C-alpha atoms as a PDB file:
ATOM      1  CA  MET A   1     -32.875  -1.116  13.711  1.00  0.00           C
ATOM      2  CA  LYS A   2     -34.751  -2.142  10.578  1.00  0.00           C
ATOM      3  CA  ASN A   3     -35.201   1.459   9.488  1.00  0.00           C
ATOM      4  CA  ALA A   4     -31.445   2.014   9.623  1.00  0.00           C
ATOM      5  CA  PHE A   5     -31.033  -0.510   6.793  1.00  0.00           C
ATOM      6  CA  LYS A   6     -33.334   1.573   4.603  1.00  0.00           C
ATOM      7  CA  LYS A   7     -31.302   4.785   4.791  1.00  0.00           C
ATOM      8  CA  TRP A   8     -29.043   5.445   1.833  1.00  0.00           C
ATOM      9  CA  ARG A   9     -26.543   7.408   3.936  1.00  0.00           C
ATOM     10  CA  VAL A  10     -25.878   4.369   6.085  1.00  0.00           C
ATOM     11  CA  TRP A  11     -25.086   2.288   3.012  1.00  0.00           C
ATOM     12  CA  LEU A  12     -22.953   5.018   1.454  1.00  0.00           C
ATOM     13  CA  ILE A  13     -20.869   5.428   4.607  1.00  0.00           C
ATOM     14  CA  ALA A  14     -20.529   1.656   4.932  1.00  0.00           C
ATOM     15  CA  ILE A  15     -19.315   1.328   1.346  1.00  0.00           C
ATOM     16  CA  VAL A  16     -16.787   4.142   1.758  1.00  0.00           C
ATOM     17  CA  LEU A  17     -15.479   2.648   5.007  1.00  0.00           C
ATOM     18  CA  THR A  18     -15.235  -0.782   3.398  1.00  0.00           C
ATOM     19  CA  VAL A  19     -13.266   0.544   0.445  1.00  0.00           C
ATOM     20  CA  VAL A  20     -10.915   2.417   2.770  1.00  0.00           C
ATOM     21  CA  GLY A  21     -10.506  -0.637   5.012  1.00  0.00           C
ATOM     22  CA  ILE A  22      -9.708  -2.939   2.107  1.00  0.00           C
ATOM     23  CA  ALA A  23      -7.655  -0.557  -0.069  1.00  0.00           C
ATOM     24  CA  THR A  24      -5.346   0.809   2.628  1.00  0.00           C
ATOM     25  CA  PRO A  25      -3.531  -2.502   3.321  1.00  0.00           C
ATOM     26  CA  PHE A  26      -3.017  -3.036  -0.423  1.00  0.00           C
ATOM     27  CA  ILE A  27      -1.660   0.483  -0.896  1.00  0.00           C
ATOM     28  CA  ILE A  28       0.769  -0.036   1.990  1.00  0.00           C
ATOM     29  CA  PHE A  29       1.732  -3.421   0.500  1.00  0.00           C
ATOM     30  CA  VAL A  30       2.502  -1.886  -2.906  1.00  0.00           C
ATOM     31  CA  ILE A  31       4.511   0.928  -1.329  1.00  0.00           C
ATOM     32  CA  THR A  32       6.593  -1.463   0.775  1.00  0.00           C
ATOM     33  CA  LEU A  33       7.035  -3.797  -2.187  1.00  0.00           C
ATOM     34  CA  ASN A  34       8.650  -0.992  -4.154  1.00  0.00           C
ATOM     35  CA  LEU A  35      11.055  -0.125  -1.331  1.00  0.00           C
ATOM     36  CA  ASP A  36      13.167  -3.255  -1.983  1.00  0.00           C
ATOM     37  CA  ASN A  37      12.497  -4.742   1.435  1.00  0.00           C
ATOM     38  CA  THR A  38      13.558  -8.306   2.026  1.00  0.00           C
ATOM     39  CA  SER A  39      10.177  -9.265   3.435  1.00  0.00           C
ATOM     40  CA  PRO A  40       6.941  -7.852   2.022  1.00  0.00           C
ATOM     41  CA  PHE A  41       4.311  -6.307   4.259  1.00  0.00           C
ATOM     42  CA  MET A  42       1.790  -8.879   5.537  1.00  0.00           C
ATOM     43  CA  TYR A  43      -1.326  -6.960   4.573  1.00  0.00           C
ATOM     44  CA  PRO A  44      -3.991  -9.463   5.781  1.00  0.00           C
ATOM     45  CA  TYR A  45      -3.197  -8.659   9.399  1.00  0.00           C
ATOM     46  CA  LEU A  46      -4.027  -5.017   8.767  1.00  0.00           C
ATOM     47  CA  LEU A  47      -7.465  -6.129   7.531  1.00  0.00           C
ATOM     48  CA  ILE A  48      -8.141  -7.595  10.981  1.00  0.00           C
ATOM     49  CA  ALA A  49      -6.964  -4.348  12.570  1.00  0.00           C
ATOM     50  CA  PHE A  50      -9.379  -2.321  10.421  1.00  0.00           C
ATOM     51  CA  ALA A  51     -12.258  -4.653  11.284  1.00  0.00           C
ATOM     52  CA  ALA A  52     -11.500  -4.353  15.000  1.00  0.00           C
ATOM     53  CA  ILE A  53     -11.197  -0.569  14.796  1.00  0.00           C
ATOM     54  CA  TYR A  54     -14.495  -0.326  12.918  1.00  0.00           C
ATOM     55  CA  LEU A  55     -16.247  -2.440  15.547  1.00  0.00           C
ATOM     56  CA  LEU A  56     -14.833  -0.289  18.316  1.00  0.00           C
ATOM     57  CA  ILE A  57     -15.721   2.993  16.638  1.00  0.00           C
ATOM     58  CA  GLY A  58     -19.217   1.762  15.790  1.00  0.00           C
ATOM     59  CA  PHE A  59     -19.901   0.742  19.355  1.00  0.00           C
ATOM     60  CA  ILE A  60     -18.520   3.933  20.855  1.00  0.00           C
ATOM     61  CA  TRP A  61     -20.160   6.298  18.334  1.00  0.00           C
ATOM     62  CA  GLY A  62     -23.684   5.012  18.929  1.00  0.00           C
ATOM     63  CA  ASP A  63     -23.157   4.644  22.654  1.00  0.00           C
ATOM     64  CA  LEU A  64     -21.994   8.248  22.943  1.00  0.00           C
ATOM     65  CA  HIS A  65     -25.190   9.332  21.211  1.00  0.00           C
ATOM     66  CA  THR A  66     -27.416   7.483  23.708  1.00  0.00           C
ATOM     67  CA  ALA A  67     -25.280   8.622  26.652  1.00  0.00           C
ATOM     68  CA  ASN A  68     -25.542  12.235  25.481  1.00  0.00           C
ATOM     69  CA  TYR A  69     -29.327  11.929  25.292  1.00  0.00           C
ATOM     70  CA  ARG A  70     -29.488  10.412  28.790  1.00  0.00           C
ATOM     71  CA  ARG A  71     -27.256  13.149  30.163  1.00  0.00           C
ATOM     72  CA  LYS A  72     -29.346  15.933  28.629  1.00  0.00           C
ATOM     73  CA  THR A  73     -32.679  14.536  29.789  1.00  0.00           C
ATOM     74  CA  LYS A  74     -31.430  13.069  33.091  1.00  0.00           C
ATOM     75  CA  ASN A  75     -33.231   9.872  32.049  1.00  0.00           C
ATOM     76  CA  TRP A  76     -30.857   7.274  33.476  1.00  0.00           C
ATOM     77  CA  ASP A  77     -33.140   4.303  34.178  1.00  0.00           C
ATOM     78  CA  ASP A  78     -36.076   4.430  31.785  1.00  0.00           C
ATOM     79  CA  LYS A  79     -36.145   2.995  28.297  1.00  0.00           C
ATOM     80  CA  LEU A  80     -34.939   5.072  25.398  1.00  0.00           C
ATOM     81  CA  PRO A  81     -37.476   6.512  22.954  1.00  0.00           C
ATOM     82  CA  PRO A  82     -37.646   4.728  19.592  1.00  0.00           C
ATOM     83  CA  GLU A  83     -36.255   7.696  17.664  1.00  0.00           C
ATOM     84  CA  ILE A  84     -33.110   7.741  19.810  1.00  0.00           C
ATOM     85  CA  LYS A  85     -32.684   4.005  19.331  1.00  0.00           C
ATOM     86  CA  GLU A  86     -33.071   4.418  15.571  1.00  0.00           C
ATOM     87  CA  SER A  87     -30.578   7.253  15.379  1.00  0.00           C
ATOM     88  CA  ALA A  88     -28.115   5.248  17.487  1.00  0.00           C
ATOM     89  CA  TRP A  89     -28.488   2.294  15.124  1.00  0.00           C
ATOM     90  CA  SER A  90     -27.961   4.619  12.181  1.00  0.00           C
ATOM     91  CA  ARG A  91     -24.627   5.506  13.777  1.00  0.00           C
ATOM     92  CA  HIS A  92     -23.673   1.913  14.685  1.00  0.00           C
ATOM     93  CA  LEU A  93     -24.629   0.200  11.466  1.00  0.00           C
ATOM     94  CA  PRO A  94     -22.182   1.636   8.872  1.00  0.00           C
ATOM     95  CA  PHE A  95     -19.222   0.685  11.011  1.00  0.00           C
ATOM     96  CA  TYR A  96     -20.613  -2.770  11.737  1.00  0.00           C
ATOM     97  CA  LEU A  97     -21.308  -3.424   8.051  1.00  0.00           C
ATOM     98  CA  ALA A  98     -17.814  -2.259   7.106  1.00  0.00           C
ATOM     99  CA  ALA A  99     -16.270  -4.459   9.807  1.00  0.00           C
ATOM    100  CA  ILE A 100     -18.187  -7.495   8.564  1.00  0.00           C
ATOM    101  CA  SER A 101     -17.142  -6.785   4.974  1.00  0.00           C
ATOM    102  CA  VAL A 102     -13.472  -6.306   5.806  1.00  0.00           C
ATOM    103  CA  PHE A 103     -13.453  -9.390   8.011  1.00  0.00           C
ATOM    104  CA  SER A 104     -15.054 -11.467   5.245  1.00  0.00           C
ATOM    105  CA  VAL A 105     -12.292 -10.350   2.846  1.00  0.00           C
ATOM    106  CA  PHE A 106      -9.747 -11.393   5.464  1.00  0.00           C
ATOM    107  CA  MET A 107     -11.402 -14.795   5.785  1.00  0.00           C
ATOM    108  CA  VAL A 108     -11.298 -15.306   2.006  1.00  0.00           C
ATOM    109  CA  PHE A 109      -7.582 -14.495   2.026  1.00  0.00           C
ATOM    110  CA  GLU A 110      -7.040 -16.788   5.000  1.00  0.00           C
ATOM    111  CA  ILE A 111      -8.782 -19.666   3.212  1.00  0.00           C
ATOM    112  CA  MET A 112      -6.608 -18.980   0.176  1.00  0.00           C
ATOM    113  CA  TYR A 113      -3.590 -19.118   2.474  1.00  0.00           C
ATOM    114  CA  TRP A 114      -4.682 -22.490   3.849  1.00  0.00           C
ATOM    115  CA  ILE A 115      -5.140 -23.852   0.331  1.00  0.00           C
ATOM    116  CA  MET A 116      -2.160 -22.301  -1.495  1.00  0.00           C
ATOM    117  CA  GLY A 117       0.314 -21.861   1.346  1.00  0.00           C
ATOM    118  CA  HIS A 118       0.727 -18.108   0.806  1.00  0.00           C
ATOM    119  CA  TYR A 119      -1.462 -15.047   0.717  1.00  0.00           C
ATOM    120  CA  PRO A 120      -2.562 -13.660  -2.651  1.00  0.00           C
ATOM    121  CA  PHE A 121      -0.117 -11.186  -4.207  1.00  0.00           C
ATOM    122  CA  LEU A 122       2.749 -12.298  -1.925  1.00  0.00           C
END
Protein backbone atom coordinates (compact mmCIF):
# COMPACT_ATOMS: atom_id res chain seq x y z
CA MET A 1 0.00 0.00 0.00
CA LYS A 2 2.83 2.40 0.80
CA ASN A 3 4.30 2.06 -2.68
CA ALA A 4 0.99 3.12 -4.23
CA PHE A 5 1.41 6.55 -2.61
CA LYS A 6 4.73 6.98 -4.39
CA LYS A 7 3.38 6.54 -7.92
CA TRP A 8 2.74 9.74 -9.82
CA ARG A 9 -0.04 8.17 -11.90
CA VAL A 10 -2.06 7.49 -8.77
CA TRP A 11 -1.81 11.12 -7.73
CA LEU A 12 -2.58 12.40 -11.22
CA ILE A 13 -5.71 10.25 -11.50
CA ALA A 14 -6.78 11.28 -8.00
CA ILE A 15 -6.39 14.97 -8.82
CA VAL A 16 -8.34 14.63 -12.07
CA LEU A 17 -11.14 12.72 -10.33
CA THR A 18 -11.25 15.30 -7.55
CA VAL A 19 -11.52 18.18 -9.99
CA VAL A 20 -14.29 16.40 -11.89
CA GLY A 21 -16.12 15.54 -8.66
CA ILE A 22 -15.98 19.11 -7.37
CA ALA A 23 -16.48 21.00 -10.66
CA THR A 24 -19.45 19.04 -11.99
CA PRO A 25 -21.91 20.13 -9.25
CA PHE A 26 -20.87 23.77 -9.72
CA ILE A 27 -21.28 23.56 -13.50
CA ILE A 28 -24.76 22.07 -13.06
CA PHE A 29 -25.55 24.79 -10.50
CA VAL A 30 -24.53 27.57 -12.90
CA ILE A 31 -26.51 26.02 -15.75
CA THR A 32 -29.66 25.68 -13.64
CA LEU A 33 -29.19 29.18 -12.23
CA ASN A 34 -29.32 30.60 -15.74
CA LEU A 35 -32.51 28.71 -16.61
CA ASP A 36 -34.64 31.03 -14.42
CA ASN A 37 -35.74 28.26 -12.09
CA THR A 38 -37.54 29.25 -8.93
CA SER A 39 -35.29 27.10 -6.77
CA PRO A 40 -31.57 26.73 -7.49
CA PHE A 41 -29.93 23.33 -7.70
CA MET A 42 -28.66 22.11 -4.31
CA TYR A 43 -25.16 21.23 -5.44
CA PRO A 44 -23.72 20.00 -2.08
CA TYR A 45 -25.83 16.85 -2.26
CA LEU A 46 -24.21 15.96 -5.57
CA LEU A 47 -20.81 16.16 -3.83
CA ILE A 48 -21.93 13.35 -1.51
CA ALA A 49 -23.10 11.35 -4.53
CA PHE A 50 -19.70 11.73 -6.21
CA ALA A 51 -17.90 10.67 -3.04
CA ALA A 52 -20.10 7.59 -2.71
CA ILE A 53 -19.65 6.68 -6.38
CA TYR A 54 -15.88 7.07 -6.09
CA LEU A 55 -15.79 4.79 -3.04
CA LEU A 56 -17.87 2.19 -4.84
CA ILE A 57 -15.81 2.31 -8.02
CA GLY A 58 -12.55 2.19 -6.08
CA PHE A 59 -13.63 -0.87 -4.15
CA ILE A 60 -14.96 -2.70 -7.19
CA TRP A 61 -12.03 -1.82 -9.49
CA GLY A 62 -9.36 -3.20 -7.16
CA ASP A 63 -11.48 -6.17 -6.15
CA LEU A 64 -12.03 -7.14 -9.78
CA HIS A 65 -8.27 -7.11 -10.27
CA THR A 66 -7.66 -9.52 -7.37
CA ALA A 67 -10.62 -11.70 -8.39
CA ASN A 68 -9.28 -11.90 -11.94
CA TYR A 69 -5.89 -13.00 -10.63
CA ARG A 70 -7.49 -15.66 -8.40
CA ARG A 71 -9.60 -16.92 -11.29
CA LYS A 72 -6.62 -17.20 -13.63
CA THR A 73 -4.38 -18.98 -11.14
CA LYS A 74 -7.14 -20.97 -9.39
CA ASN A 75 -5.63 -19.69 -6.13
CA TRP A 76 -8.79 -19.27 -4.05
CA ASP A 77 -7.56 -19.77 -0.48
CA ASP A 78 -3.91 -18.77 -0.30
CA LYS A 79 -2.60 -15.28 0.29
CA LEU A 80 -2.09 -12.96 -2.63
CA PRO A 81 1.44 -12.18 -3.80
CA PRO A 82 2.72 -8.72 -2.82
CA GLU A 83 2.81 -7.47 -6.41
CA ILE A 84 -0.90 -8.23 -6.86
CA LYS A 85 -1.70 -6.48 -3.60
CA GLU A 86 0.31 -3.45 -4.70
CA SER A 87 -1.35 -3.28 -8.10
CA ALA A 88 -4.77 -3.61 -6.45
CA TRP A 89 -3.93 -0.74 -4.11
CA SER A 90 -2.76 1.30 -7.08
CA ARG A 91 -6.25 0.82 -8.49
CA HIS A 92 -8.09 1.50 -5.21
CA LEU A 93 -6.16 4.53 -4.05
CA PRO A 94 -6.99 7.23 -6.65
CA PHE A 95 -10.69 6.72 -6.12
CA TYR A 96 -10.34 6.67 -2.34
CA LEU A 97 -8.27 9.86 -2.35
CA ALA A 98 -10.78 11.58 -4.63
CA ALA A 99 -13.67 10.46 -2.41
CA ILE A 100 -11.95 11.82 0.69
CA SER A 101 -11.23 15.13 -1.06
CA VAL A 102 -14.77 15.56 -2.36
CA PHE A 103 -16.24 14.61 1.00
CA SER A 104 -13.99 17.12 2.79
CA VAL A 105 -15.24 19.86 0.44
CA PHE A 106 -18.79 18.81 1.27
CA MET A 107 -18.03 19.01 4.99
CA VAL A 108 -16.60 22.52 4.60
CA PHE A 109 -19.77 23.59 2.80
CA GLU A 110 -21.91 21.90 5.45
CA ILE A 111 -20.08 23.75 8.23
CA MET A 112 -20.61 26.98 6.31
CA TYR A 113 -24.29 26.09 6.09
CA TRP A 114 -24.47 25.55 9.85
CA ILE A 115 -22.80 28.91 10.48
CA MET A 116 -24.41 31.09 7.79
CA GLY A 117 -27.75 29.35 7.31
CA HIS A 118 -27.25 28.79 3.57
CA TYR A 119 -24.75 27.12 1.31
CA PRO A 120 -22.11 29.24 -0.42
CA PHE A 121 -23.21 30.70 -3.76
CA LEU A 122 -26.91 30.08 -3.03
